[in-house]
Amino acid sequence: MTSFPSSAGNLQVAPILLEFANSQPSQTLWLTNSGTEALRAQVRVQHWAQQDGQEHQQPSDGLLASPPLVDIAPGQSQLVRIVQPQPGRHADEQAFRLTIDEVPTATGSASSSLRFLLRYSIPVFVLPTGATPQLERTGKRLHTDATQLQGHWQASNGQARLVLHNHGVQRIRISQLSWIPTSGPAIEITPGLLGYVLAGQQMRWTLPLPGPLPADGFLHARLNDDVDPQALPQVAAEH
């Protein structure tokens, strides 16, 4: 979520991630005005891809927001339906982002100039046929298959350069990245979210290191919403 200085700052969005089954026609997004003045919000759909290790987004009609522009009274909520116009046509997982902007209005009070316009970026995934929804798994959760991630990394001059390719059919969310030396305590590199590697795509990061890393060891991370982190056995160190 990012914010820009302007006239309001009371837009709330839920949920913060959407997942479509391959044949599912629509999902629901709720926009809430937590303030004391009316606000206007716009919902835009962008296709999300990763090329040459970088994030790329561009406008898309692969999903549709209905309605795309809403006015919300103080303390009220507005339902926006996210529609998949051609369900069931994708063999691979499709990734999108919903950009939800609080739009400035001409009726804001003078005091509202001290607030902020909010922008949310909500990930949305359309699953391939037969894939298990990550948001609806019940019972004992299985570990994400770490062998689907392959890549390399190099640590030097206080930085780590990490490249990961996801050979699986669904995205992998990576957080709590650490270096586990063969002796001694774990060394935390990224305590929170590192990012996603989309299905069949590649990402790269340059990360600050807390200090020199022992040469012998392995990378360790939490994948998706697995309870426990695990080793990344297919990620080789380069020297």
C-alpha atoms as a PDB file:
ATOM      1  CA  MET A   1       0.000   0.000   0.000  1.00  0.00           C
ATOM      2  CA  THR A   2       1.284   3.474  -0.849  1.00  0.00           C
ATOM      3  CA  SER A   3      -0.034   6.930  -0.088  1.00  0.00           C
ATOM      4  CA  PHE A   4       0.195  10.338  -1.708  1.00  0.00           C
ATOM      5  CA  PRO A   5      -0.401  13.701   0.008  1.00  0.00           C
ATOM      6  CA  SER A   6      -3.860  15.035  -0.807  1.00  0.00           C
ATOM      7  CA  SER A   7      -7.359  15.403   0.543  1.00  0.00           C
ATOM      8  CA  ALA A   8      -8.435  12.229   2.340  1.00  0.00           C
ATOM      9  CA  GLY A   9      -7.156   8.996   3.830  1.00  0.00           C
ATOM     10  CA  ASN A  10     -10.013   6.844   5.005  1.00  0.00           C
ATOM     11  CA  LEU A  11     -10.316   4.088   2.425  1.00  0.00           C
ATOM     12  CA  GLN A  12     -10.114   0.499   3.698  1.00  0.00           C
ATOM     13  CA  VAL A  13     -10.021  -2.581   1.440  1.00  0.00           C
ATOM     14  CA  ALA A  14     -10.799  -6.239   2.175  1.00  0.00           C
ATOM     15  CA  PRO A  15      -9.657  -8.871   1.477  1.00  0.00           C
ATOM     16  CA  ILE A  16      -6.040  -8.046   0.660  1.00  0.00           C
ATOM     17  CA  LEU A  17      -5.616 -11.038  -1.700  1.00  0.00           C
ATOM     18  CA  LEU A  18      -8.039 -12.754  -4.080  1.00  0.00           C
ATOM     19  CA  GLU A  19      -7.817 -16.217  -5.605  1.00  0.00           C
ATOM     20  CA  PHE A  20     -10.062 -17.535  -8.379  1.00  0.00           C
ATOM     21  CA  ALA A  21     -10.664 -21.155  -9.176  1.00  0.00           C
ATOM     22  CA  ASN A  22     -10.132 -21.656 -12.913  1.00  0.00           C
ATOM     23  CA  SER A  23     -13.871 -21.760 -13.661  1.00  0.00           C
ATOM     24  CA  GLN A  24     -15.007 -19.274 -10.991  1.00  0.00           C
ATOM     25  CA  PRO A  25     -16.881 -16.329 -12.550  1.00  0.00           C
ATOM     26  CA  SER A  26     -16.436 -13.681  -9.844  1.00  0.00           C
ATOM     27  CA  GLN A  27     -15.096 -12.649  -6.458  1.00  0.00           C
ATOM     28  CA  THR A  28     -16.097  -9.917  -4.017  1.00  0.00           C
ATOM     29  CA  LEU A  29     -14.069  -6.913  -2.865  1.00  0.00           C
ATOM     30  CA  TRP A  30     -15.287  -4.590  -0.109  1.00  0.00           C
ATOM     31  CA  LEU A  31     -14.311  -0.906   0.032  1.00  0.00           C
ATOM     32  CA  THR A  32     -15.040   0.908   3.298  1.00  0.00           C
ATOM     33  CA  ASN A  33     -15.018   4.601   4.162  1.00  0.00           C
ATOM     34  CA  SER A  34     -13.833   4.924   7.769  1.00  0.00           C
ATOM     35  CA  GLY A  35     -13.911   8.735   7.711  1.00  0.00           C
ATOM     36  CA  THR A  36     -16.470  11.472   8.286  1.00  0.00           C
ATOM     37  CA  GLU A  37     -16.632  12.724   4.683  1.00  0.00           C
ATOM     38  CA  ALA A  38     -17.742  11.010   1.487  1.00  0.00           C
ATOM     39  CA  LEU A  39     -14.994   9.589  -0.701  1.00  0.00           C
ATOM     40  CA  ARG A  40     -14.592   8.282  -4.239  1.00  0.00           C
ATOM     41  CA  ALA A  41     -12.524   5.216  -5.160  1.00  0.00           C
ATOM     42  CA  GLN A  42     -11.397   3.763  -8.473  1.00  0.00           C
ATOM     43  CA  VAL A  43     -10.534   0.101  -9.123  1.00  0.00           C
ATOM     44  CA  ARG A  44      -8.228  -0.776 -12.045  1.00  0.00           C
ATOM     45  CA  VAL A  45      -7.013  -4.211 -13.186  1.00  0.00           C
ATOM     46  CA  GLN A  46      -3.429  -4.816 -14.294  1.00  0.00           C
ATOM     47  CA  HIS A  47      -1.853  -7.999 -15.597  1.00  0.00           C
ATOM     48  CA  TRP A  48       1.195  -8.898 -13.479  1.00  0.00           C
ATOM     49  CA  ALA A  49       4.273 -10.562 -14.933  1.00  0.00           C
ATOM     50  CA  GLN A  50       7.967 -10.915 -14.111  1.00  0.00           C
ATOM     51  CA  GLN A  51      10.422 -10.474 -16.969  1.00  0.00           C
ATOM     52  CA  ASP A  52      14.204 -10.294 -16.779  1.00  0.00           C
ATOM     53  CA  GLY A  53      13.925 -10.519 -13.001  1.00  0.00           C
ATOM     54  CA  GLN A  54      11.738  -7.396 -12.767  1.00  0.00           C
ATOM     55  CA  GLU A  55       8.089  -6.731 -11.967  1.00  0.00           C
ATOM     56  CA  HIS A  56       5.896  -5.603 -14.884  1.00  0.00           C
ATOM     57  CA  GLN A  57       2.263  -4.501 -14.813  1.00  0.00           C
ATOM     58  CA  GLN A  58       0.018  -3.348 -17.632  1.00  0.00           C
ATOM     59  CA  PRO A  59      -3.723  -2.673 -18.003  1.00  0.00           C
ATOM     60  CA  SER A  60      -5.753  -5.808 -18.647  1.00  0.00           C
ATOM     61  CA  ASP A  61      -9.295  -6.907 -19.428  1.00  0.00           C
ATOM     62  CA  GLY A  62      -8.559 -10.419 -18.159  1.00  0.00           C
ATOM     63  CA  LEU A  63     -10.545  -9.419 -15.065  1.00  0.00           C
ATOM     64  CA  LEU A  64     -13.139  -6.658 -14.776  1.00  0.00           C
ATOM     65  CA  ALA A  65     -14.116  -4.484 -11.799  1.00  0.00           C
ATOM     66  CA  SER A  66     -17.854  -3.809 -11.489  1.00  0.00           C
ATOM     67  CA  PRO A  67     -18.344  -0.979 -10.807  1.00  0.00           C
ATOM     68  CA  PRO A  68     -14.858   0.479 -11.455  1.00  0.00           C
ATOM     69  CA  LEU A  69     -15.669   3.819  -9.799  1.00  0.00           C
ATOM     70  CA  VAL A  70     -17.651   4.151  -6.562  1.00  0.00           C
ATOM     71  CA  ASP A  71     -18.774   6.885  -4.172  1.00  0.00           C
ATOM     72  CA  ILE A  72     -18.892   5.797  -0.534  1.00  0.00           C
ATOM     73  CA  ALA A  73     -20.703   7.681   2.220  1.00  0.00           C
ATOM     74  CA  PRO A  74     -19.046   8.162   5.641  1.00  0.00           C
ATOM     75  CA  GLY A  75     -19.002   4.942   7.659  1.00  0.00           C
ATOM     76  CA  GLN A  76     -20.383   2.896   4.773  1.00  0.00           C
ATOM     77  CA  SER A  77     -19.065   0.046   2.622  1.00  0.00           C
ATOM     78  CA  GLN A  78     -19.375  -0.626  -1.092  1.00  0.00           C
ATOM     79  CA  LEU A  79     -19.209  -4.036  -2.757  1.00  0.00           C
ATOM     80  CA  VAL A  80     -17.156  -4.251  -5.948  1.00  0.00           C
ATOM     81  CA  ARG A  81     -17.418  -7.461  -7.935  1.00  0.00           C
ATOM     82  CA  ILE A  82     -14.246  -8.691  -9.645  1.00  0.00           C
ATOM     83  CA  VAL A  83     -15.406 -10.638 -12.700  1.00  0.00           C
ATOM     84  CA  GLN A  84     -13.547 -13.232 -14.773  1.00  0.00           C
ATOM     85  CA  PRO A  85     -15.173 -12.742 -18.204  1.00  0.00           C
ATOM     86  CA  GLN A  86     -13.844 -15.987 -19.703  1.00  0.00           C
ATOM     87  CA  PRO A  87     -13.518 -18.492 -16.844  1.00  0.00           C
ATOM     88  CA  GLY A  88     -11.809 -21.795 -17.490  1.00  0.00           C
ATOM     89  CA  ARG A  89      -9.595 -20.735 -20.389  1.00  0.00           C
ATOM     90  CA  HIS A  90      -6.208 -20.696 -18.605  1.00  0.00           C
ATOM     91  CA  ALA A  91      -3.861 -23.688 -18.478  1.00  0.00           C
ATOM     92  CA  ASP A  92      -1.382 -21.829 -16.238  1.00  0.00           C
ATOM     93  CA  GLU A  93      -1.895 -19.656 -13.187  1.00  0.00           C
ATOM     94  CA  GLN A  94      -2.588 -16.048 -14.153  1.00  0.00           C
ATOM     95  CA  ALA A  95      -1.500 -13.166 -11.946  1.00  0.00           C
ATOM     96  CA  PHE A  96      -3.094  -9.737 -11.711  1.00  0.00           C
ATOM     97  CA  ARG A  97      -3.010  -6.758  -9.399  1.00  0.00           C
ATOM     98  CA  LEU A  98      -5.957  -4.567  -8.491  1.00  0.00           C
ATOM     99  CA  THR A  99      -4.960  -0.945  -8.040  1.00  0.00           C
ATOM    100  CA  ILE A 100      -7.485   0.786  -5.786  1.00  0.00           C
ATOM    101  CA  ASP A 101      -7.094   4.564  -5.582  1.00  0.00           C
ATOM    102  CA  GLU A 102      -8.846   7.079  -3.427  1.00  0.00           C
ATOM    103  CA  VAL A 103      -9.763   9.765  -5.963  1.00  0.00           C
ATOM    104  CA  PRO A 104      -9.712  13.479  -5.023  1.00  0.00           C
ATOM    105  CA  THR A 105     -13.092  15.191  -5.081  1.00  0.00           C
ATOM    106  CA  ALA A 106     -14.034  18.853  -5.434  1.00  0.00           C
ATOM    107  CA  THR A 107     -16.250  18.744  -2.325  1.00  0.00           C
ATOM    108  CA  GLY A 108     -13.575  17.999   0.296  1.00  0.00           C
ATOM    109  CA  SER A 109     -13.340  20.383   3.255  1.00  0.00           C
ATOM    110  CA  ALA A 110     -10.328  22.597   3.898  1.00  0.00           C
ATOM    111  CA  SER A 111      -9.208  20.336   6.744  1.00  0.00           C
ATOM    112  CA  SER A 112      -9.017  17.375   4.374  1.00  0.00           C
ATOM    113  CA  SER A 113      -5.918  18.878   2.723  1.00  0.00           C
ATOM    114  CA  LEU A 114      -3.948  17.640   5.728  1.00  0.00           C
ATOM    115  CA  ARG A 115      -4.860  14.006   5.049  1.00  0.00           C
ATOM    116  CA  PHE A 116      -3.737  11.513   2.413  1.00  0.00           C
ATOM    117  CA  LEU A 117      -5.078   9.783  -0.647  1.00  0.00           C
ATOM    118  CA  LEU A 118      -4.477   6.053  -0.333  1.00  0.00           C
ATOM    119  CA  ARG A 119      -3.515   3.535  -2.980  1.00  0.00           C
ATOM    120  CA  TYR A 120      -3.789  -0.224  -2.497  1.00  0.00           C
ATOM    121  CA  SER A 121      -2.277  -2.906  -4.716  1.00  0.00           C
ATOM    122  CA  ILE A 122      -4.092  -6.217  -4.226  1.00  0.00           C
ATOM    123  CA  PRO A 123      -2.676  -9.447  -5.744  1.00  0.00           C
ATOM    124  CA  VAL A 124      -5.175 -11.641  -7.589  1.00  0.00           C
ATOM    125  CA  PHE A 125      -4.487 -15.145  -8.899  1.00  0.00           C
ATOM    126  CA  VAL A 126      -6.519 -17.286 -11.319  1.00  0.00           C
ATOM    127  CA  LEU A 127      -5.621 -20.928 -10.738  1.00  0.00           C
ATOM    128  CA  PRO A 128      -4.920 -23.473 -13.460  1.00  0.00           C
ATOM    129  CA  THR A 129      -7.285 -26.412 -13.839  1.00  0.00           C
ATOM    130  CA  GLY A 130      -6.934 -28.910 -10.983  1.00  0.00           C
ATOM    131  CA  ALA A 131      -4.781 -26.683  -8.773  1.00  0.00           C
ATOM    132  CA  THR A 132      -5.468 -26.545  -5.042  1.00  0.00           C
ATOM    133  CA  PRO A 133      -6.548 -23.096  -3.840  1.00  0.00           C
ATOM    134  CA  GLN A 134      -3.961 -21.866  -1.355  1.00  0.00           C
ATOM    135  CA  LEU A 135      -6.571 -19.816   0.526  1.00  0.00           C
ATOM    136  CA  GLU A 136      -8.981 -22.710   1.107  1.00  0.00           C
ATOM    137  CA  ARG A 137      -6.770 -25.604   2.190  1.00  0.00           C
ATOM    138  CA  THR A 138      -8.193 -27.507   5.144  1.00  0.00           C
ATOM    139  CA  GLY A 139      -6.720 -30.083   7.469  1.00  0.00           C
ATOM    140  CA  LYS A 140      -2.989 -30.547   7.821  1.00  0.00           C
ATOM    141  CA  ARG A 141      -1.143 -28.086   5.584  1.00  0.00           C
ATOM    142  CA  LEU A 142       1.559 -29.604   3.419  1.00  0.00           C
ATOM    143  CA  HIS A 143       4.892 -27.904   2.883  1.00  0.00           C
ATOM    144  CA  THR A 144       5.242 -25.990  -0.358  1.00  0.00           C
ATOM    145  CA  ASP A 145       7.577 -27.945  -2.635  1.00  0.00           C
ATOM    146  CA  ALA A 146      10.826 -25.970  -2.320  1.00  0.00           C
ATOM    147  CA  THR A 147      12.401 -27.868  -5.231  1.00  0.00           C
ATOM    148  CA  GLN A 148      10.154 -25.858  -7.572  1.00  0.00           C
ATOM    149  CA  LEU A 149      12.425 -22.907  -6.796  1.00  0.00           C
ATOM    150  CA  GLN A 150      15.801 -22.970  -8.485  1.00  0.00           C
ATOM    151  CA  GLY A 151      18.388 -20.250  -8.749  1.00  0.00           C
ATOM    152  CA  HIS A 152      21.609 -18.829  -7.408  1.00  0.00           C
ATOM    153  CA  TRP A 153      22.837 -16.180  -5.069  1.00  0.00           C
ATOM    154  CA  GLN A 154      26.042 -14.335  -4.261  1.00  0.00           C
ATOM    155  CA  ALA A 155      27.035 -12.435  -1.131  1.00  0.00           C
ATOM    156  CA  SER A 156      29.720  -9.738  -1.363  1.00  0.00           C
ATOM    157  CA  ASN A 157      30.418  -6.181  -0.223  1.00  0.00           C
ATOM    158  CA  GLY A 158      27.574  -6.198   2.284  1.00  0.00           C
ATOM    159  CA  GLN A 159      24.920  -7.273  -0.241  1.00  0.00           C
ATOM    160  CA  ALA A 160      23.298 -10.472  -1.451  1.00  0.00           C
ATOM    161  CA  ARG A 161      22.174 -10.854  -5.061  1.00  0.00           C
ATOM    162  CA  LEU A 162      19.467 -13.501  -5.281  1.00  0.00           C
ATOM    163  CA  VAL A 163      17.872 -14.933  -8.451  1.00  0.00           C
ATOM    164  CA  LEU A 164      14.958 -17.392  -8.189  1.00  0.00           C
ATOM    165  CA  HIS A 165      13.013 -19.201 -10.919  1.00  0.00           C
ATOM    166  CA  ASN A 166       9.688 -20.859 -10.123  1.00  0.00           C
ATOM    167  CA  HIS A 167       9.235 -24.049 -12.176  1.00  0.00           C
ATOM    168  CA  GLY A 168       5.855 -24.792 -10.594  1.00  0.00           C
ATOM    169  CA  VAL A 169       2.323 -24.060 -11.803  1.00  0.00           C
ATOM    170  CA  GLN A 170       1.447 -21.723  -8.910  1.00  0.00           C
ATOM    171  CA  ARG A 171       3.102 -18.662  -7.379  1.00  0.00           C
ATOM    172  CA  ILE A 172       5.384 -18.942  -4.371  1.00  0.00           C
ATOM    173  CA  ARG A 173       5.417 -16.211  -1.734  1.00  0.00           C
ATOM    174  CA  ILE A 174       8.764 -15.880   0.055  1.00  0.00           C
ATOM    175  CA  SER A 175       9.343 -14.376   3.490  1.00  0.00           C
ATOM    176  CA  GLN A 176      11.652 -14.722   6.521  1.00  0.00           C
ATOM    177  CA  LEU A 177      14.764 -15.314   4.424  1.00  0.00           C
ATOM    178  CA  SER A 178      17.793 -16.406   6.493  1.00  0.00           C
ATOM    179  CA  TRP A 179      21.247 -17.897   6.061  1.00  0.00           C
ATOM    180  CA  ILE A 180      21.793 -21.043   8.138  1.00  0.00           C
ATOM    181  CA  PRO A 181      25.537 -21.684   8.653  1.00  0.00           C
ATOM    182  CA  THR A 182      26.806 -25.211   9.277  1.00  0.00           C
ATOM    183  CA  SER A 183      27.776 -24.009  12.757  1.00  0.00           C
ATOM    184  CA  GLY A 184      26.466 -21.064  14.694  1.00  0.00           C
ATOM    185  CA  PRO A 185      23.095 -19.254  14.824  1.00  0.00           C
ATOM    186  CA  ALA A 186      20.882 -18.384  11.868  1.00  0.00           C
ATOM    187  CA  ILE A 187      21.531 -15.002  10.244  1.00  0.00           C
ATOM    188  CA  GLU A 188      18.377 -13.103   9.338  1.00  0.00           C
ATOM    189  CA  ILE A 189      18.451 -11.442   5.903  1.00  0.00           C
ATOM    190  CA  THR A 190      14.808 -10.454   5.308  1.00  0.00           C
ATOM    191  CA  PRO A 191      12.610 -10.714   8.436  1.00  0.00           C
ATOM    192  CA  GLY A 192       9.324  -9.990   6.619  1.00  0.00           C
ATOM    193  CA  LEU A 193       8.091 -10.393   3.061  1.00  0.00           C
ATOM    194  CA  LEU A 194      10.697 -10.727   0.316  1.00  0.00           C
ATOM    195  CA  GLY A 195       8.174 -11.061  -2.516  1.00  0.00           C
ATOM    196  CA  TYR A 196       6.542 -13.445  -4.957  1.00  0.00           C
ATOM    197  CA  VAL A 197       7.988 -15.594  -7.710  1.00  0.00           C
ATOM    198  CA  LEU A 198       5.124 -16.120 -10.148  1.00  0.00           C
ATOM    199  CA  ALA A 199       4.438 -19.476 -11.803  1.00  0.00           C
ATOM    200  CA  GLY A 200       6.982 -20.227 -14.518  1.00  0.00           C
ATOM    201  CA  GLN A 201       8.751 -16.890 -14.023  1.00  0.00           C
ATOM    202  CA  GLN A 202      11.920 -15.458 -12.506  1.00  0.00           C
ATOM    203  CA  MET A 203      12.708 -12.707 -10.013  1.00  0.00           C
ATOM    204  CA  ARG A 204      15.897 -11.181  -8.686  1.00  0.00           C
ATOM    205  CA  TRP A 205      16.653  -9.067  -5.636  1.00  0.00           C
ATOM    206  CA  THR A 206      19.603  -7.156  -4.230  1.00  0.00           C
ATOM    207  CA  LEU A 207      19.450  -7.356  -0.432  1.00  0.00           C
ATOM    208  CA  PRO A 208      21.487  -5.648   2.286  1.00  0.00           C
ATOM    209  CA  LEU A 209      23.298  -8.037   4.630  1.00  0.00           C
ATOM    210  CA  PRO A 210      23.678  -7.539   8.387  1.00  0.00           C
ATOM    211  CA  GLY A 211      27.364  -8.523   8.123  1.00  0.00           C
ATOM    212  CA  PRO A 212      29.695 -11.107   6.573  1.00  0.00           C
ATOM    213  CA  LEU A 213      28.166 -14.554   6.076  1.00  0.00           C
ATOM    214  CA  PRO A 214      29.997 -17.816   6.792  1.00  0.00           C
ATOM    215  CA  ALA A 215      30.869 -19.554   3.525  1.00  0.00           C
ATOM    216  CA  ASP A 216      29.268 -22.884   4.454  1.00  0.00           C
ATOM    217  CA  GLY A 217      25.522 -23.016   4.935  1.00  0.00           C
ATOM    218  CA  PHE A 218      22.211 -22.733   3.091  1.00  0.00           C
ATOM    219  CA  LEU A 219      19.299 -20.368   2.492  1.00  0.00           C
ATOM    220  CA  HIS A 220      16.159 -20.887   4.543  1.00  0.00           C
ATOM    221  CA  ALA A 221      12.750 -19.225   4.024  1.00  0.00           C
ATOM    222  CA  ARG A 222       9.053 -19.435   4.703  1.00  0.00           C
ATOM    223  CA  LEU A 223       7.152 -20.306   1.513  1.00  0.00           C
ATOM    224  CA  ASN A 224       3.553 -19.209   1.052  1.00  0.00           C
ATOM    225  CA  ASP A 225       1.689 -19.615   4.349  1.00  0.00           C
ATOM    226  CA  ASP A 226       3.533 -22.748   5.482  1.00  0.00           C
ATOM    227  CA  VAL A 227       3.762 -22.921   9.250  1.00  0.00           C
ATOM    228  CA  ASP A 228       7.496 -23.647   9.254  1.00  0.00           C
ATOM    229  CA  PRO A 229      10.308 -22.243   7.095  1.00  0.00           C
ATOM    230  CA  GLN A 230      12.421 -24.686   5.111  1.00  0.00           C
ATOM    231  CA  ALA A 231      15.710 -24.930   3.238  1.00  0.00           C
ATOM    232  CA  LEU A 232      15.980 -23.872  -0.403  1.00  0.00           C
ATOM    233  CA  PRO A 233      17.981 -26.852  -1.679  1.00  0.00           C
ATOM    234  CA  GLN A 234      18.024 -25.857  -5.358  1.00  0.00           C
ATOM    235  CA  VAL A 235      19.534 -22.405  -4.773  1.00  0.00           C
ATOM    236  CA  ALA A 236      23.315 -22.526  -5.207  1.00  0.00           C
ATOM    237  CA  ALA A 237      25.819 -20.059  -3.858  1.00  0.00           C
ATOM    238  CA  GLU A 238      28.192 -18.387  -6.306  1.00  0.00           C
ATOM    239  CA  HIS A 239      31.611 -17.216  -5.181  1.00  0.00           C
END
